[in-house]
């Protein structure tokens, strides 16, 4: 897999910082917590390739992964896959309130193809819609960075495109912590078709599970089976609207007891393991999540529809 260190035929304007702009045809309105405004061209000029933007995935090469990021992923490691999660799932009754169905994630065609960074054409995106009924029900989509053959010893050469992840047959591989410390931010495009009728937006949490907040690290759960304090990962919140917008989150948690910047990441102080440290060298992946914060008797089910496109690291 070729190394995609930035965008072909795109360069970043000197001194331009990461932030939020619009896709072609988008409104360019602010996207909520943690973002700052950029010109709609995201500071790009046509010209020489840029080392500022490192492509993670544009959702155009396969139906569900592996992700396109290759930097730092060498044999025996392989790139990770996209997955979906959340909502209520009752396999015995054949009821799944998720689209695409859980364990069968696939990229979705964008009804009207759009453009992203430096005028790049986009025809597909990661999409997940759910019907959320219970208090704190969630709906999400995400990916993991790197995998390694598990104890079964399946060689990476046997795990080709379509060979693993939610949309393919099971191949024994394990996700490992991955080093993203070289990057200062992550940028992506997002939209929803299910905004709140009052605010005109839907709140989406973008989080980065690491070894302190994911039970696989055996820190938040103390190495045991109780995961009630896990999953409170370092994150920020964004307001998706019905127009495609670019959002940027800084990979900055404050450090040394300092407060994270408004466009950085932090854990929720109201629940979960509060001793978690941000460990950028030990990150499993990224996920986007919507949540219902009302009890079932407080109103009708919450409909959520999350669209994510063209995800990049910023160096």
C-alpha atoms as a PDB file:
ATOM      1  CA  UNK A   1       0.000   0.000   0.000  1.00  0.00           C
ATOM      2  CA  UNK A   2       1.497   3.271  -1.116  1.00  0.00           C
ATOM      3  CA  UNK A   3       2.372   5.889   1.468  1.00  0.00           C
ATOM      4  CA  UNK A   4      -0.073   8.751   1.216  1.00  0.00           C
ATOM      5  CA  UNK A   5       1.781  11.574   2.944  1.00  0.00           C
ATOM      6  CA  UNK A   6      -0.524  14.385   2.030  1.00  0.00           C
ATOM      7  CA  UNK A   7      -2.428  15.311  -1.077  1.00  0.00           C
ATOM      8  CA  UNK A   8      -1.234  15.041  -4.607  1.00  0.00           C
ATOM      9  CA  UNK A   9      -1.493  18.361  -6.428  1.00  0.00           C
ATOM     10  CA  UNK A  10      -2.231  20.269  -3.248  1.00  0.00           C
ATOM     11  CA  UNK A  11      -0.154  22.481  -1.020  1.00  0.00           C
ATOM     12  CA  UNK A  12      -0.945  24.242   2.215  1.00  0.00           C
ATOM     13  CA  UNK A  13      -0.693  28.000   2.509  1.00  0.00           C
ATOM     14  CA  UNK A  14       2.159  29.117   4.794  1.00  0.00           C
ATOM     15  CA  UNK A  15       1.052  29.619   8.371  1.00  0.00           C
ATOM     16  CA  UNK A  16      -2.430  28.202   7.780  1.00  0.00           C
ATOM     17  CA  UNK A  17      -3.809  26.420  10.841  1.00  0.00           C
ATOM     18  CA  UNK A  18      -6.313  23.568  10.900  1.00  0.00           C
ATOM     19  CA  UNK A  19      -9.974  24.399  11.270  1.00  0.00           C
ATOM     20  CA  UNK A  20     -13.348  24.278   9.633  1.00  0.00           C
ATOM     21  CA  UNK A  21     -14.513  25.203   6.176  1.00  0.00           C
ATOM     22  CA  UNK A  22     -17.220  24.051   3.796  1.00  0.00           C
ATOM     23  CA  UNK A  23     -17.459  21.531   1.027  1.00  0.00           C
ATOM     24  CA  UNK A  24     -18.379  22.931  -2.320  1.00  0.00           C
ATOM     25  CA  UNK A  25     -21.946  24.048  -1.986  1.00  0.00           C
ATOM     26  CA  UNK A  26     -21.891  23.937   1.804  1.00  0.00           C
ATOM     27  CA  UNK A  27     -23.064  26.747   4.006  1.00  0.00           C
ATOM     28  CA  UNK A  28     -19.724  27.355   5.700  1.00  0.00           C
ATOM     29  CA  UNK A  29     -21.462  27.856   9.058  1.00  0.00           C
ATOM     30  CA  UNK A  30     -19.682  27.024  12.290  1.00  0.00           C
ATOM     31  CA  UNK A  31     -19.763  23.385  13.337  1.00  0.00           C
ATOM     32  CA  UNK A  32     -19.775  23.665  17.127  1.00  0.00           C
ATOM     33  CA  UNK A  33     -17.339  23.066  19.926  1.00  0.00           C
ATOM     34  CA  UNK A  34     -13.685  22.782  19.106  1.00  0.00           C
ATOM     35  CA  UNK A  35     -13.431  24.292  15.639  1.00  0.00           C
ATOM     36  CA  UNK A  36     -12.246  27.520  14.106  1.00  0.00           C
ATOM     37  CA  UNK A  37     -13.071  28.972  10.732  1.00  0.00           C
ATOM     38  CA  UNK A  38     -10.925  28.416   7.664  1.00  0.00           C
ATOM     39  CA  UNK A  39     -11.483  29.583   4.113  1.00  0.00           C
ATOM     40  CA  UNK A  40     -13.631  27.159   2.133  1.00  0.00           C
ATOM     41  CA  UNK A  41     -10.523  25.952   0.276  1.00  0.00           C
ATOM     42  CA  UNK A  42      -9.017  24.889   3.644  1.00  0.00           C
ATOM     43  CA  UNK A  43      -5.937  26.982   2.860  1.00  0.00           C
ATOM     44  CA  UNK A  44      -4.924  24.819  -0.117  1.00  0.00           C
ATOM     45  CA  UNK A  45      -3.434  25.964  -3.375  1.00  0.00           C
ATOM     46  CA  UNK A  46      -3.064  23.793  -6.407  1.00  0.00           C
ATOM     47  CA  UNK A  47       0.603  22.948  -6.859  1.00  0.00           C
ATOM     48  CA  UNK A  48       3.212  20.686  -5.313  1.00  0.00           C
ATOM     49  CA  UNK A  49       2.143  17.860  -2.944  1.00  0.00           C
ATOM     50  CA  UNK A  50       1.846  18.861   0.691  1.00  0.00           C
ATOM     51  CA  UNK A  51       3.306  17.079   3.708  1.00  0.00           C
ATOM     52  CA  UNK A  52       0.890  18.892   6.021  1.00  0.00           C
ATOM     53  CA  UNK A  53      -2.113  16.637   5.356  1.00  0.00           C
ATOM     54  CA  UNK A  54      -1.773  12.861   5.694  1.00  0.00           C
ATOM     55  CA  UNK A  55      -4.673  10.879   4.288  1.00  0.00           C
ATOM     56  CA  UNK A  56      -6.248   8.367   6.668  1.00  0.00           C
ATOM     57  CA  UNK A  57      -9.106   7.373   4.353  1.00  0.00           C
ATOM     58  CA  UNK A  58     -11.281   8.837   1.605  1.00  0.00           C
ATOM     59  CA  UNK A  59     -13.699   5.856   1.454  1.00  0.00           C
ATOM     60  CA  UNK A  60     -13.227   5.439  -2.304  1.00  0.00           C
ATOM     61  CA  UNK A  61     -10.935   2.404  -2.603  1.00  0.00           C
ATOM     62  CA  UNK A  62     -12.869  -0.448  -0.934  1.00  0.00           C
ATOM     63  CA  UNK A  63     -16.314  -1.111   0.493  1.00  0.00           C
ATOM     64  CA  UNK A  64     -15.301  -0.948   4.183  1.00  0.00           C
ATOM     65  CA  UNK A  65     -11.524  -0.807   4.508  1.00  0.00           C
ATOM     66  CA  UNK A  66      -8.746  -1.333   5.297  1.00  0.00           C
ATOM     67  CA  UNK A  67      -8.017   2.338   5.931  1.00  0.00           C
ATOM     68  CA  UNK A  68      -5.573   3.966   3.535  1.00  0.00           C
ATOM     69  CA  UNK A  69      -3.158   5.268   6.180  1.00  0.00           C
ATOM     70  CA  UNK A  70       0.161   3.463   5.742  1.00  0.00           C
ATOM     71  CA  UNK A  71       2.641   5.637   7.635  1.00  0.00           C
ATOM     72  CA  UNK A  72       3.951   3.617  10.579  1.00  0.00           C
ATOM     73  CA  UNK A  73       2.161   0.443   9.498  1.00  0.00           C
ATOM     74  CA  UNK A  74       4.672  -2.109   8.214  1.00  0.00           C
ATOM     75  CA  UNK A  75       4.706  -5.911   8.177  1.00  0.00           C
ATOM     76  CA  UNK A  76       3.603  -7.820  10.177  1.00  0.00           C
ATOM     77  CA  UNK A  77       1.151  -5.003  10.943  1.00  0.00           C
ATOM     78  CA  UNK A  78      -1.756  -4.283   8.598  1.00  0.00           C
ATOM     79  CA  UNK A  79      -4.072  -1.243   8.429  1.00  0.00           C
ATOM     80  CA  UNK A  80      -7.252  -1.489  10.469  1.00  0.00           C
ATOM     81  CA  UNK A  81     -10.873  -1.451   9.331  1.00  0.00           C
ATOM     82  CA  UNK A  82     -14.037   0.586   9.693  1.00  0.00           C
ATOM     83  CA  UNK A  83     -16.843  -0.634  11.943  1.00  0.00           C
ATOM     84  CA  UNK A  84     -20.252   0.486  13.209  1.00  0.00           C
ATOM     85  CA  UNK A  85     -21.773   0.285  16.661  1.00  0.00           C
ATOM     86  CA  UNK A  86     -24.662   1.244  18.870  1.00  0.00           C
ATOM     87  CA  UNK A  87     -28.445   1.160  18.948  1.00  0.00           C
ATOM     88  CA  UNK A  88     -30.396  -1.882  20.091  1.00  0.00           C
ATOM     89  CA  UNK A  89     -29.558  -5.259  18.597  1.00  0.00           C
ATOM     90  CA  UNK A  90     -31.637  -8.377  19.295  1.00  0.00           C
ATOM     91  CA  UNK A  91     -30.172 -11.204  17.190  1.00  0.00           C
ATOM     92  CA  UNK A  92     -32.701 -13.775  18.391  1.00  0.00           C
ATOM     93  CA  UNK A  93     -35.558 -11.596  17.215  1.00  0.00           C
ATOM     94  CA  UNK A  94     -33.788 -10.447  14.074  1.00  0.00           C
ATOM     95  CA  UNK A  95     -34.182  -6.801  15.093  1.00  0.00           C
ATOM     96  CA  UNK A  96     -31.404  -4.329  14.319  1.00  0.00           C
ATOM     97  CA  UNK A  97     -32.051  -0.632  14.628  1.00  0.00           C
ATOM     98  CA  UNK A  98     -28.923   0.249  12.648  1.00  0.00           C
ATOM     99  CA  UNK A  99     -28.309   0.998   8.982  1.00  0.00           C
ATOM    100  CA  UNK A 100     -25.992  -0.457   7.739  1.00  0.00           C
ATOM    101  CA  UNK A 101     -26.745  -3.422  10.031  1.00  0.00           C
ATOM    102  CA  UNK A 102     -24.298  -4.076  12.832  1.00  0.00           C
ATOM    103  CA  UNK A 103     -21.405  -6.348  11.793  1.00  0.00           C
ATOM    104  CA  UNK A 104     -22.123  -5.549   8.135  1.00  0.00           C
ATOM    105  CA  UNK A 105     -20.692  -2.062   7.717  1.00  0.00           C
ATOM    106  CA  UNK A 106     -20.099  -0.711   4.212  1.00  0.00           C
ATOM    107  CA  UNK A 107     -19.390   2.740   2.768  1.00  0.00           C
ATOM    108  CA  UNK A 108     -22.351   4.624   1.301  1.00  0.00           C
ATOM    109  CA  UNK A 109     -22.666   6.497  -1.962  1.00  0.00           C
ATOM    110  CA  UNK A 110     -23.159  10.242  -1.519  1.00  0.00           C
ATOM    111  CA  UNK A 111     -26.424  11.206  -3.291  1.00  0.00           C
ATOM    112  CA  UNK A 112     -24.760  14.268  -4.823  1.00  0.00           C
ATOM    113  CA  UNK A 113     -20.956  13.855  -5.198  1.00  0.00           C
ATOM    114  CA  UNK A 114     -19.050  16.660  -3.515  1.00  0.00           C
ATOM    115  CA  UNK A 115     -15.533  18.051  -3.205  1.00  0.00           C
ATOM    116  CA  UNK A 116     -13.252  18.163  -0.178  1.00  0.00           C
ATOM    117  CA  UNK A 117      -9.666  19.295   0.430  1.00  0.00           C
ATOM    118  CA  UNK A 118      -8.084  21.018  -2.584  1.00  0.00           C
ATOM    119  CA  UNK A 119     -11.086  20.252  -4.780  1.00  0.00           C
ATOM    120  CA  UNK A 120     -10.771  16.475  -4.393  1.00  0.00           C
ATOM    121  CA  UNK A 121     -13.872  14.687  -5.716  1.00  0.00           C
ATOM    122  CA  UNK A 122     -15.808  12.509  -3.275  1.00  0.00           C
ATOM    123  CA  UNK A 123     -18.469   9.945  -4.176  1.00  0.00           C
ATOM    124  CA  UNK A 124     -18.579   7.797  -1.015  1.00  0.00           C
ATOM    125  CA  UNK A 125     -18.586   8.331   2.738  1.00  0.00           C
ATOM    126  CA  UNK A 126     -18.878   6.419   5.995  1.00  0.00           C
ATOM    127  CA  UNK A 127     -22.523   6.581   7.071  1.00  0.00           C
ATOM    128  CA  UNK A 128     -24.387   5.194  10.075  1.00  0.00           C
ATOM    129  CA  UNK A 129     -28.009   5.784  10.980  1.00  0.00           C
ATOM    130  CA  UNK A 130     -29.808   4.434  14.037  1.00  0.00           C
ATOM    131  CA  UNK A 131     -33.067   4.518  15.974  1.00  0.00           C
ATOM    132  CA  UNK A 132     -32.176   5.217  19.620  1.00  0.00           C
ATOM    133  CA  UNK A 133     -34.813   4.307  22.185  1.00  0.00           C
ATOM    134  CA  UNK A 134     -33.172   4.080  25.616  1.00  0.00           C
ATOM    135  CA  UNK A 135     -31.367   6.575  27.816  1.00  0.00           C
ATOM    136  CA  UNK A 136     -27.714   6.883  26.733  1.00  0.00           C
ATOM    137  CA  UNK A 137     -28.206   4.666  23.683  1.00  0.00           C
ATOM    138  CA  UNK A 138     -25.476   5.464  21.166  1.00  0.00           C
ATOM    139  CA  UNK A 139     -24.950   5.235  17.425  1.00  0.00           C
ATOM    140  CA  UNK A 140     -21.492   5.363  15.940  1.00  0.00           C
ATOM    141  CA  UNK A 141     -18.981   4.613  13.232  1.00  0.00           C
ATOM    142  CA  UNK A 142     -15.203   4.440  13.434  1.00  0.00           C
ATOM    143  CA  UNK A 143     -11.999   2.680  12.490  1.00  0.00           C
ATOM    144  CA  UNK A 144      -8.915   1.242  14.147  1.00  0.00           C
ATOM    145  CA  UNK A 145      -5.414   2.103  13.030  1.00  0.00           C
ATOM    146  CA  UNK A 146      -3.299  -1.035  12.993  1.00  0.00           C
ATOM    147  CA  UNK A 147      -3.696  -4.771  13.459  1.00  0.00           C
ATOM    148  CA  UNK A 148      -1.384  -7.720  13.960  1.00  0.00           C
ATOM    149  CA  UNK A 149      -1.922 -11.451  13.424  1.00  0.00           C
ATOM    150  CA  UNK A 150      -3.267 -12.990  16.608  1.00  0.00           C
ATOM    151  CA  UNK A 151      -2.231 -16.230  18.245  1.00  0.00           C
ATOM    152  CA  UNK A 152      -3.650 -18.170  15.304  1.00  0.00           C
ATOM    153  CA  UNK A 153      -0.742 -16.817  13.259  1.00  0.00           C
ATOM    154  CA  UNK A 154      -2.671 -15.762  10.177  1.00  0.00           C
ATOM    155  CA  UNK A 155      -0.219 -14.023   7.849  1.00  0.00           C
ATOM    156  CA  UNK A 156      -0.971 -10.468   6.698  1.00  0.00           C
ATOM    157  CA  UNK A 157      -0.827 -11.705   3.102  1.00  0.00           C
ATOM    158  CA  UNK A 158      -3.995 -13.701   3.808  1.00  0.00           C
ATOM    159  CA  UNK A 159      -5.868 -10.620   4.959  1.00  0.00           C
ATOM    160  CA  UNK A 160      -6.441  -8.771   1.718  1.00  0.00           C
ATOM    161  CA  UNK A 161      -9.101  -6.229   0.813  1.00  0.00           C
ATOM    162  CA  UNK A 162     -12.490  -7.450   1.974  1.00  0.00           C
ATOM    163  CA  UNK A 163     -10.862 -10.100   4.156  1.00  0.00           C
ATOM    164  CA  UNK A 164     -11.693  -8.654   7.555  1.00  0.00           C
ATOM    165  CA  UNK A 165     -13.643  -5.980   9.319  1.00  0.00           C
ATOM    166  CA  UNK A 166     -17.399  -5.743   9.733  1.00  0.00           C
ATOM    167  CA  UNK A 167     -18.131  -6.324   6.070  1.00  0.00           C
ATOM    168  CA  UNK A 168     -15.946  -9.385   5.490  1.00  0.00           C
ATOM    169  CA  UNK A 169     -15.281 -12.869   6.805  1.00  0.00           C
ATOM    170  CA  UNK A 170     -13.547 -13.213  10.160  1.00  0.00           C
ATOM    171  CA  UNK A 171      -9.755 -13.375  10.002  1.00  0.00           C
ATOM    172  CA  UNK A 172      -7.893 -13.675  13.320  1.00  0.00           C
ATOM    173  CA  UNK A 173      -6.182 -10.326  13.825  1.00  0.00           C
ATOM    174  CA  UNK A 174      -5.896  -8.105  16.869  1.00  0.00           C
ATOM    175  CA  UNK A 175      -5.925  -4.301  17.010  1.00  0.00           C
ATOM    176  CA  UNK A 176      -2.826  -2.889  18.707  1.00  0.00           C
ATOM    177  CA  UNK A 177      -2.083   0.547  20.203  1.00  0.00           C
ATOM    178  CA  UNK A 178      -0.758   2.915  17.518  1.00  0.00           C
ATOM    179  CA  UNK A 179       1.489   5.982  17.712  1.00  0.00           C
ATOM    180  CA  UNK A 180      -0.144   9.196  16.424  1.00  0.00           C
ATOM    181  CA  UNK A 181       2.075  11.556  18.417  1.00  0.00           C
ATOM    182  CA  UNK A 182       3.626  13.052  15.264  1.00  0.00           C
ATOM    183  CA  UNK A 183       0.292  14.663  14.322  1.00  0.00           C
ATOM    184  CA  UNK A 184      -1.075  17.892  15.781  1.00  0.00           C
ATOM    185  CA  UNK A 185      -4.678  17.533  14.610  1.00  0.00           C
ATOM    186  CA  UNK A 186      -7.216  15.491  12.659  1.00  0.00           C
ATOM    187  CA  UNK A 187      -9.579  16.973  10.090  1.00  0.00           C
ATOM    188  CA  UNK A 188     -12.643  15.491   8.400  1.00  0.00           C
ATOM    189  CA  UNK A 189     -15.937  16.378   6.718  1.00  0.00           C
ATOM    190  CA  UNK A 190     -19.273  15.655   8.346  1.00  0.00           C
ATOM    191  CA  UNK A 191     -23.020  16.164   7.961  1.00  0.00           C
ATOM    192  CA  UNK A 192     -26.344  14.761   9.153  1.00  0.00           C
ATOM    193  CA  UNK A 193     -29.853  14.395   7.775  1.00  0.00           C
ATOM    194  CA  UNK A 194     -31.358  14.297  11.289  1.00  0.00           C
ATOM    195  CA  UNK A 195     -30.704  17.653  12.954  1.00  0.00           C
ATOM    196  CA  UNK A 196     -32.617  18.699  16.046  1.00  0.00           C
ATOM    197  CA  UNK A 197     -35.674  20.675  14.984  1.00  0.00           C
ATOM    198  CA  UNK A 198     -34.900  23.406  17.521  1.00  0.00           C
ATOM    199  CA  UNK A 199     -31.148  23.868  17.101  1.00  0.00           C
ATOM    200  CA  UNK A 200     -30.802  22.786  13.472  1.00  0.00           C
ATOM    201  CA  UNK A 201     -27.853  20.553  14.356  1.00  0.00           C
ATOM    202  CA  UNK A 202     -26.942  17.186  15.861  1.00  0.00           C
ATOM    203  CA  UNK A 203     -24.169  16.825  18.443  1.00  0.00           C
ATOM    204  CA  UNK A 204     -21.512  14.275  17.484  1.00  0.00           C
ATOM    205  CA  UNK A 205     -18.713  13.139  19.774  1.00  0.00           C
ATOM    206  CA  UNK A 206     -15.323  12.450  18.177  1.00  0.00           C
ATOM    207  CA  UNK A 207     -13.149  10.318  20.444  1.00  0.00           C
ATOM    208  CA  UNK A 208      -9.787   8.578  20.465  1.00  0.00           C
ATOM    209  CA  UNK A 209      -9.768   5.354  22.553  1.00  0.00           C
ATOM    210  CA  UNK A 210      -6.329   4.655  24.024  1.00  0.00           C
ATOM    211  CA  UNK A 211      -4.845   2.178  26.487  1.00  0.00           C
ATOM    212  CA  UNK A 212      -6.065   4.176  29.503  1.00  0.00           C
ATOM    213  CA  UNK A 213      -9.713   4.452  28.407  1.00  0.00           C
ATOM    214  CA  UNK A 214     -10.317   1.283  26.369  1.00  0.00           C
ATOM    215  CA  UNK A 215     -10.682  -1.990  28.341  1.00  0.00           C
ATOM    216  CA  UNK A 216      -8.128  -3.670  26.094  1.00  0.00           C
ATOM    217  CA  UNK A 217      -5.490  -1.571  27.868  1.00  0.00           C
ATOM    218  CA  UNK A 218      -6.550  -3.092  31.216  1.00  0.00           C
ATOM    219  CA  UNK A 219      -6.293   0.277  32.997  1.00  0.00           C
ATOM    220  CA  UNK A 220      -9.850   1.633  33.169  1.00  0.00           C
ATOM    221  CA  UNK A 221     -11.122  -1.815  34.166  1.00  0.00           C
ATOM    222  CA  UNK A 222      -8.203  -2.688  36.446  1.00  0.00           C
ATOM    223  CA  UNK A 223      -7.512  -5.723  34.308  1.00  0.00           C
ATOM    224  CA  UNK A 224     -10.871  -7.245  35.239  1.00  0.00           C
ATOM    225  CA  UNK A 225     -14.210  -7.740  33.557  1.00  0.00           C
ATOM    226  CA  UNK A 226     -15.987  -4.649  34.925  1.00  0.00           C
ATOM    227  CA  UNK A 227     -15.891  -2.101  32.110  1.00  0.00           C
ATOM    228  CA  UNK A 228     -18.308   0.409  33.690  1.00  0.00           C
ATOM    229  CA  UNK A 229     -15.566   3.044  33.966  1.00  0.00           C
ATOM    230  CA  UNK A 230     -14.197   2.468  30.457  1.00  0.00           C
ATOM    231  CA  UNK A 231     -14.960   4.187  27.149  1.00  0.00           C
ATOM    232  CA  UNK A 232     -14.688   7.731  28.552  1.00  0.00           C
ATOM    233  CA  UNK A 233     -12.051   8.492  25.938  1.00  0.00           C
ATOM    234  CA  UNK A 234     -10.393  11.800  25.110  1.00  0.00           C
ATOM    235  CA  UNK A 235     -12.816  13.593  22.810  1.00  0.00           C
ATOM    236  CA  UNK A 236     -14.461  16.754  21.541  1.00  0.00           C
ATOM    237  CA  UNK A 237     -17.980  17.545  20.358  1.00  0.00           C
ATOM    238  CA  UNK A 238     -19.126  18.982  17.036  1.00  0.00           C
ATOM    239  CA  UNK A 239     -22.460  20.174  15.710  1.00  0.00           C
ATOM    240  CA  UNK A 240     -23.335  18.512  12.415  1.00  0.00           C
ATOM    241  CA  UNK A 241     -25.867  20.225  10.143  1.00  0.00           C
ATOM    242  CA  UNK A 242     -27.497  19.233   6.868  1.00  0.00           C
ATOM    243  CA  UNK A 243     -24.640  20.920   4.972  1.00  0.00           C
ATOM    244  CA  UNK A 244     -21.260  19.263   4.594  1.00  0.00           C
ATOM    245  CA  UNK A 245     -18.672  21.030   6.765  1.00  0.00           C
ATOM    246  CA  UNK A 246     -15.011  20.501   7.525  1.00  0.00           C
ATOM    247  CA  UNK A 247     -14.186  19.981  11.203  1.00  0.00           C
ATOM    248  CA  UNK A 248     -10.773  19.909  12.864  1.00  0.00           C
ATOM    249  CA  UNK A 249      -9.872  18.644  16.312  1.00  0.00           C
ATOM    250  CA  UNK A 250      -6.468  19.340  17.852  1.00  0.00           C
ATOM    251  CA  UNK A 251      -4.752  16.344  19.450  1.00  0.00           C
ATOM    252  CA  UNK A 252      -4.006  18.487  22.491  1.00  0.00           C
ATOM    253  CA  UNK A 253      -5.203  17.502  25.968  1.00  0.00           C
ATOM    254  CA  UNK A 254      -3.410  20.330  27.782  1.00  0.00           C
ATOM    255  CA  UNK A 255      -0.654  18.214  29.339  1.00  0.00           C
ATOM    256  CA  UNK A 256       1.081  18.567  32.737  1.00  0.00           C
ATOM    257  CA  UNK A 257      -2.195  19.361  34.448  1.00  0.00           C
ATOM    258  CA  UNK A 258      -3.048  22.168  32.070  1.00  0.00           C
ATOM    259  CA  UNK A 259      -6.493  22.690  30.585  1.00  0.00           C
ATOM    260  CA  UNK A 260      -7.131  21.458  27.065  1.00  0.00           C
ATOM    261  CA  UNK A 261      -7.835  24.176  24.485  1.00  0.00           C
ATOM    262  CA  UNK A 262     -11.447  24.530  23.315  1.00  0.00           C
ATOM    263  CA  UNK A 263     -10.536  22.827  20.040  1.00  0.00           C
ATOM    264  CA  UNK A 264      -8.543  20.101  21.821  1.00  0.00           C
ATOM    265  CA  UNK A 265      -9.572  16.875  23.552  1.00  0.00           C
ATOM    266  CA  UNK A 266     -10.528  15.943  27.106  1.00  0.00           C
ATOM    267  CA  UNK A 267     -12.342  13.264  29.090  1.00  0.00           C
ATOM    268  CA  UNK A 268     -15.786  13.804  30.586  1.00  0.00           C
ATOM    269  CA  UNK A 269     -15.301  14.736  34.273  1.00  0.00           C
ATOM    270  CA  UNK A 270     -18.736  13.406  35.269  1.00  0.00           C
ATOM    271  CA  UNK A 271     -18.218   9.667  34.760  1.00  0.00           C
ATOM    272  CA  UNK A 272     -15.712   6.934  33.950  1.00  0.00           C
ATOM    273  CA  UNK A 273     -12.089   6.461  34.910  1.00  0.00           C
ATOM    274  CA  UNK A 274     -10.806   9.900  35.927  1.00  0.00           C
ATOM    275  CA  UNK A 275      -7.165   8.871  36.162  1.00  0.00           C
ATOM    276  CA  UNK A 276      -6.898   8.454  32.403  1.00  0.00           C
ATOM    277  CA  UNK A 277      -3.969  10.233  30.756  1.00  0.00           C
ATOM    278  CA  UNK A 278      -3.872  11.168  27.071  1.00  0.00           C
ATOM    279  CA  UNK A 279      -1.312   8.785  25.558  1.00  0.00           C
ATOM    280  CA  UNK A 280      -0.884   9.676  21.859  1.00  0.00           C
ATOM    281  CA  UNK A 281       1.582   6.826  21.360  1.00  0.00           C
ATOM    282  CA  UNK A 282      -1.033   4.265  22.436  1.00  0.00           C
ATOM    283  CA  UNK A 283      -4.228   5.009  20.480  1.00  0.00           C
ATOM    284  CA  UNK A 284      -6.449   2.258  19.107  1.00  0.00           C
ATOM    285  CA  UNK A 285      -8.520   4.281  16.648  1.00  0.00           C
ATOM    286  CA  UNK A 286     -11.122   7.004  16.167  1.00  0.00           C
ATOM    287  CA  UNK A 287     -14.910   6.931  16.369  1.00  0.00           C
ATOM    288  CA  UNK A 288     -17.824   9.300  15.859  1.00  0.00           C
ATOM    289  CA  UNK A 289     -20.853   8.871  18.112  1.00  0.00           C
ATOM    290  CA  UNK A 290     -24.320  10.323  18.644  1.00  0.00           C
ATOM    291  CA  UNK A 291     -26.202   9.694  21.908  1.00  0.00           C
ATOM    292  CA  UNK A 292     -29.735   9.861  23.229  1.00  0.00           C
ATOM    293  CA  UNK A 293     -29.814  11.739  26.536  1.00  0.00           C
ATOM    294  CA  UNK A 294     -33.535  11.391  27.247  1.00  0.00           C
ATOM    295  CA  UNK A 295     -35.366   8.498  28.907  1.00  0.00           C
ATOM    296  CA  UNK A 296     -37.672   6.381  26.728  1.00  0.00           C
ATOM    297  CA  UNK A 297     -40.817   7.992  28.170  1.00  0.00           C
ATOM    298  CA  UNK A 298     -39.549  11.514  27.416  1.00  0.00           C
ATOM    299  CA  UNK A 299     -40.502  11.398  23.770  1.00  0.00           C
ATOM    300  CA  UNK A 300     -40.259   9.441  20.526  1.00  0.00           C
ATOM    301  CA  UNK A 301     -37.130   7.508  19.514  1.00  0.00           C
ATOM    302  CA  UNK A 302     -34.149   9.640  18.506  1.00  0.00           C
ATOM    303  CA  UNK A 303     -33.247   9.264  14.852  1.00  0.00           C
ATOM    304  CA  UNK A 304     -29.549   9.752  14.118  1.00  0.00           C
ATOM    305  CA  UNK A 305     -27.760   9.806  10.775  1.00  0.00           C
ATOM    306  CA  UNK A 306     -23.992  10.429  10.773  1.00  0.00           C
ATOM    307  CA  UNK A 307     -21.991  10.991   7.567  1.00  0.00           C
ATOM    308  CA  UNK A 308     -18.148  11.145   7.687  1.00  0.00           C
ATOM    309  CA  UNK A 309     -15.925  11.813   4.685  1.00  0.00           C
ATOM    310  CA  UNK A 310     -12.239  12.290   3.816  1.00  0.00           C
ATOM    311  CA  UNK A 311     -10.335  11.970   7.083  1.00  0.00           C
ATOM    312  CA  UNK A 312      -6.784  13.413   7.388  1.00  0.00           C
ATOM    313  CA  UNK A 313      -4.123  13.892   9.991  1.00  0.00           C
ATOM    314  CA  UNK A 314      -2.447  17.309  10.075  1.00  0.00           C
ATOM    315  CA  UNK A 315       1.269  17.311  10.832  1.00  0.00           C
END
